[in-house]
N, C-alpha and C. Protein backbone atom coordinates (compact mmCIF):
# COMPACT_ATOMS: atom_id res chain seq x y z
N MET A 1 -33.56 106.09 -63.84
CA MET A 1 -32.71 104.98 -63.61
C MET A 1 -32.09 104.89 -61.92
N GLY A 2 -32.29 103.83 -61.51
CA GLY A 2 -31.69 103.56 -60.16
C GLY A 2 -30.07 103.46 -60.01
N ALA A 3 -30.04 103.48 -58.65
CA ALA A 3 -28.57 103.35 -58.34
C ALA A 3 -27.57 102.24 -58.50
N VAL A 4 -26.50 102.22 -58.63
CA VAL A 4 -25.59 100.91 -59.35
C VAL A 4 -25.51 100.69 -57.61
N ARG A 5 -25.36 99.10 -57.74
CA ARG A 5 -25.09 98.37 -56.21
C ARG A 5 -23.41 98.23 -56.34
N ASN A 6 -22.85 98.28 -55.07
CA ASN A 6 -21.44 98.11 -55.24
C ASN A 6 -20.99 96.86 -55.52
N GLU A 7 -21.47 95.90 -55.46
CA GLU A 7 -21.16 94.14 -55.52
C GLU A 7 -21.13 94.21 -56.89
N LEU A 8 -21.91 95.06 -57.95
CA LEU A 8 -21.62 94.86 -59.18
C LEU A 8 -20.23 95.37 -60.00
N LEU A 9 -19.70 96.37 -59.03
CA LEU A 9 -18.62 96.84 -59.18
C LEU A 9 -17.20 96.18 -58.91
N VAL A 10 -17.68 95.02 -58.17
CA VAL A 10 -16.19 94.38 -57.78
C VAL A 10 -15.84 93.18 -58.92
N PRO A 11 -14.42 93.26 -59.16
CA PRO A 11 -14.25 92.37 -60.08
C PRO A 11 -14.42 90.80 -59.80
N LEU A 12 -14.45 89.91 -60.70
CA LEU A 12 -14.89 88.62 -60.20
C LEU A 12 -13.63 87.89 -59.40
N SER A 13 -12.26 88.20 -60.08
CA SER A 13 -11.24 87.52 -59.38
C SER A 13 -10.76 88.20 -57.80
N ILE A 14 -11.67 88.81 -57.01
CA ILE A 14 -11.48 89.15 -55.91
C ILE A 14 -10.83 88.39 -55.14
N ASN A 15 -11.66 86.99 -54.93
CA ASN A 15 -11.15 85.98 -53.82
C ASN A 15 -9.72 85.69 -54.24
N HIS A 16 -9.18 85.62 -55.15
CA HIS A 16 -7.79 85.39 -55.22
C HIS A 16 -6.38 86.21 -55.93
N ARG A 17 -6.89 87.61 -55.74
CA ARG A 17 -5.92 88.21 -55.91
C ARG A 17 -5.48 89.34 -54.70
N GLY A 18 -4.54 90.08 -54.56
CA GLY A 18 -4.16 90.43 -53.46
C GLY A 18 -2.76 90.20 -53.02
N THR A 19 -2.12 90.64 -51.81
CA THR A 19 -1.16 90.49 -51.09
C THR A 19 -1.21 89.93 -49.77
N THR A 20 -0.45 90.19 -49.15
CA THR A 20 -0.54 89.72 -47.55
C THR A 20 -1.45 90.57 -46.70
N PRO A 21 -2.56 89.99 -46.31
CA PRO A 21 -3.87 90.90 -45.33
C PRO A 21 -2.93 92.10 -44.61
N GLY A 22 -3.36 93.21 -44.52
CA GLY A 22 -2.88 94.28 -43.92
C GLY A 22 -1.31 94.92 -44.49
N GLU A 23 -1.11 94.55 -45.78
CA GLU A 23 -0.14 95.14 -46.51
C GLU A 23 -0.84 96.71 -47.31
N GLY A 24 -1.76 96.45 -47.62
CA GLY A 24 -2.47 97.51 -48.38
C GLY A 24 -2.74 98.75 -47.42
N LYS A 25 -3.24 98.53 -46.30
CA LYS A 25 -3.15 99.09 -45.07
C LYS A 25 -2.20 100.09 -44.83
N ARG A 26 -0.78 99.56 -44.59
CA ARG A 26 0.44 99.55 -44.18
C ARG A 26 0.64 100.63 -45.34
N ALA A 27 0.50 100.38 -46.57
CA ALA A 27 1.09 100.89 -47.49
C ALA A 27 0.34 102.51 -47.72
N TRP A 28 -0.76 102.41 -47.54
CA TRP A 28 -1.94 103.49 -47.42
C TRP A 28 -1.22 104.38 -46.54
N ILE A 29 -1.14 103.97 -45.29
CA ILE A 29 -0.66 104.76 -44.07
C ILE A 29 0.40 105.50 -44.37
N SER A 30 1.66 104.74 -45.06
CA SER A 30 2.89 105.24 -45.28
C SER A 30 2.77 106.27 -46.51
N TRP A 31 1.99 106.22 -47.11
CA TRP A 31 1.52 107.47 -48.30
C TRP A 31 1.05 108.45 -47.55
N LEU A 32 0.22 108.52 -46.81
CA LEU A 32 -0.46 109.93 -46.13
C LEU A 32 0.57 110.30 -45.25
N GLU A 33 1.42 109.68 -44.58
CA GLU A 33 2.33 109.99 -43.80
C GLU A 33 3.43 110.85 -44.59
N ALA A 34 3.58 110.51 -45.94
CA ALA A 34 4.42 111.37 -47.00
C ALA A 34 3.74 112.66 -47.20
N ILE A 35 2.48 112.36 -47.42
CA ILE A 35 1.70 113.71 -47.67
C ILE A 35 1.91 114.35 -46.48
N ILE A 36 1.93 114.20 -45.24
CA ILE A 36 1.87 115.32 -44.39
C ILE A 36 3.44 115.78 -44.11
N ARG A 37 4.41 114.73 -44.50
CA ARG A 37 6.03 115.47 -44.27
C ARG A 37 5.90 116.49 -45.23
N VAL A 38 5.56 116.12 -46.37
CA VAL A 38 6.00 117.36 -47.53
C VAL A 38 4.71 118.45 -47.61
N GLU A 39 3.86 118.38 -46.97
CA GLU A 39 2.77 119.22 -46.82
C GLU A 39 1.97 119.42 -47.96
N GLY A 40 1.73 118.10 -48.82
CA GLY A 40 0.98 118.09 -50.14
C GLY A 40 -0.58 118.25 -49.96
N SER A 41 -0.95 118.09 -50.83
CA SER A 41 -2.59 118.44 -50.98
C SER A 41 -3.33 117.30 -51.57
N ASP A 42 -2.51 116.34 -52.58
CA ASP A 42 -3.28 115.61 -53.13
C ASP A 42 -2.32 113.92 -53.16
N LEU A 43 -2.88 112.85 -53.08
CA LEU A 43 -2.26 111.54 -53.13
C LEU A 43 -2.99 111.28 -54.22
N ILE A 44 -2.29 110.43 -55.39
CA ILE A 44 -2.56 110.02 -56.68
C ILE A 44 -2.05 108.90 -56.70
N VAL A 45 -3.12 107.31 -56.83
CA VAL A 45 -2.40 106.23 -56.59
C VAL A 45 -3.15 105.82 -57.95
N LYS A 46 -2.05 105.21 -58.71
CA LYS A 46 -2.74 104.33 -59.97
C LYS A 46 -1.65 103.20 -60.12
N SER A 47 -2.64 102.04 -60.52
CA SER A 47 -1.69 100.69 -60.59
C SER A 47 -0.68 100.81 -61.94
N GLY A 48 0.50 100.01 -61.60
CA GLY A 48 1.30 100.28 -62.46
C GLY A 48 2.48 101.48 -62.19
N LEU A 49 2.15 102.17 -61.44
CA LEU A 49 2.68 103.64 -61.33
C LEU A 49 3.25 103.83 -59.69
N ARG A 50 4.30 104.69 -59.35
CA ARG A 50 4.43 105.06 -57.98
C ARG A 50 3.54 106.04 -57.26
N PRO A 51 3.15 105.97 -56.19
CA PRO A 51 2.18 106.86 -55.79
C PRO A 51 2.78 108.41 -55.96
N ARG A 52 1.82 109.52 -56.08
CA ARG A 52 2.28 110.71 -56.46
C ARG A 52 1.42 111.69 -55.26
N VAL A 53 2.08 112.60 -55.36
CA VAL A 53 1.92 113.73 -54.51
C VAL A 53 1.65 115.07 -55.22
N ARG A 54 0.82 116.20 -54.97
CA ARG A 54 0.62 117.22 -55.34
C ARG A 54 1.23 117.91 -54.21
N HIS A 55 2.35 118.66 -54.70
CA HIS A 55 3.29 119.39 -53.58
C HIS A 55 3.17 120.82 -54.56
N ARG A 56 2.59 122.06 -53.86
CA ARG A 56 2.33 123.52 -54.44
C ARG A 56 2.41 123.34 -55.97
N GLY A 57 1.09 122.63 -56.26
CA GLY A 57 0.71 122.59 -57.52
C GLY A 57 1.35 121.54 -58.70
N VAL A 58 2.59 120.93 -57.89
CA VAL A 58 3.41 119.87 -58.86
C VAL A 58 3.11 118.41 -58.58
N LEU A 59 2.83 117.96 -59.25
CA LEU A 59 3.08 116.34 -58.86
C LEU A 59 4.32 115.64 -58.55
N LYS A 60 4.39 115.11 -57.66
CA LYS A 60 5.77 114.31 -57.83
C LYS A 60 5.56 112.84 -57.19
N ASP A 61 6.60 112.24 -57.79
CA ASP A 61 6.79 110.50 -57.38
C ASP A 61 7.06 110.34 -55.99
N LEU A 62 6.46 109.69 -55.18
CA LEU A 62 6.81 109.14 -54.01
C LEU A 62 8.21 108.20 -54.19
N GLU A 63 9.15 108.13 -53.45
CA GLU A 63 10.21 107.43 -53.47
C GLU A 63 9.99 105.68 -52.61
N THR A 64 9.11 105.29 -53.72
CA THR A 64 8.42 103.83 -53.26
C THR A 64 8.51 103.24 -54.52
N ASP A 65 8.17 101.92 -53.78
CA ASP A 65 7.78 100.77 -55.50
C ASP A 65 6.53 101.07 -55.86
N LEU A 66 6.56 100.81 -56.93
CA LEU A 66 5.42 100.94 -58.03
C LEU A 66 4.28 100.16 -57.25
N CYS A 67 3.15 100.59 -57.27
CA CYS A 67 1.99 100.37 -56.96
C CYS A 67 1.21 99.18 -58.16
N THR A 68 1.55 97.80 -57.46
CA THR A 68 1.16 96.91 -58.01
C THR A 68 -0.43 96.48 -58.42
N PRO A 69 -1.01 95.96 -59.12
CA PRO A 69 -2.37 95.81 -59.25
C PRO A 69 -2.98 94.73 -57.99
N ASP A 70 -2.12 93.64 -57.43
CA ASP A 70 -2.41 93.13 -56.55
C ASP A 70 -2.35 93.90 -55.18
N LEU A 71 -1.07 94.87 -54.99
CA LEU A 71 -1.20 95.89 -53.85
C LEU A 71 -2.62 96.70 -53.77
N MET A 72 -2.75 96.98 -55.01
CA MET A 72 -4.18 98.01 -55.34
C MET A 72 -5.52 96.98 -54.47
N MET A 73 -5.46 95.56 -55.17
CA MET A 73 -6.54 94.92 -54.44
C MET A 73 -6.39 94.56 -53.05
N GLN A 74 -5.41 94.55 -52.83
CA GLN A 74 -5.12 94.23 -51.21
C GLN A 74 -5.81 95.64 -50.48
N LEU A 75 -5.32 96.77 -50.71
CA LEU A 75 -5.80 97.77 -50.37
C LEU A 75 -7.37 97.98 -50.24
N ALA A 76 -7.89 97.49 -51.32
CA ALA A 76 -9.39 97.40 -51.27
C ALA A 76 -9.84 96.58 -50.42
N LYS A 77 -9.42 95.34 -50.49
CA LYS A 77 -9.61 94.16 -49.35
C LYS A 77 -9.38 94.92 -48.00
N ASP A 78 -8.36 95.07 -47.52
CA ASP A 78 -8.01 95.81 -46.01
C ASP A 78 -8.94 96.98 -45.78
N SER A 79 -9.33 97.56 -46.83
CA SER A 79 -10.40 98.88 -46.51
C SER A 79 -11.93 98.14 -46.20
N LYS A 80 -12.19 97.17 -47.06
CA LYS A 80 -13.44 96.57 -46.89
C LYS A 80 -13.49 95.94 -45.75
N ARG A 81 -12.39 95.19 -45.16
CA ARG A 81 -12.34 94.53 -44.08
C ARG A 81 -12.62 95.30 -42.80
N GLN A 82 -11.84 96.79 -42.84
CA GLN A 82 -12.10 97.58 -41.63
C GLN A 82 -13.36 98.10 -41.70
N THR A 83 -14.28 98.16 -42.92
CA THR A 83 -15.27 98.69 -42.96
C THR A 83 -16.37 97.53 -42.58
N ASP A 84 -16.17 96.35 -42.74
CA ASP A 84 -17.06 95.43 -42.53
C ASP A 84 -16.73 94.98 -40.80
N SER A 85 -15.55 95.17 -40.16
CA SER A 85 -15.52 95.17 -38.94
C SER A 85 -16.13 96.18 -37.94
N ARG A 86 -15.96 97.45 -38.63
CA ARG A 86 -16.58 98.35 -37.84
C ARG A 86 -18.58 98.56 -37.82
N ALA A 87 -18.98 97.70 -39.16
CA ALA A 87 -20.49 97.32 -39.17
C ALA A 87 -20.80 96.57 -37.79
N ARG A 88 -19.99 95.70 -37.49
CA ARG A 88 -20.31 94.41 -36.69
C ARG A 88 -20.53 95.16 -35.30
N ILE A 89 -20.00 96.25 -35.17
CA ILE A 89 -19.87 96.91 -33.81
C ILE A 89 -21.05 97.37 -32.92
């Protein structure tokens, strides 16, 4: 059985969902900074919930807004945009 190509896994609605370009990246960076501050080990991000950090074996919600489906889509778009720009260098 062959490998699954990434483009087959992308939702068809990718072109019209998301938030403001860069907002996903800013959210991701703020969540990573929170892990560093509390010396957490894992970041769990799921659409419809607050991001969670594992701290000393216990999952704790970050004191931030819920992660919306549109923010998750923007995070993926921002990540892809960054990867695409690095590939051109």
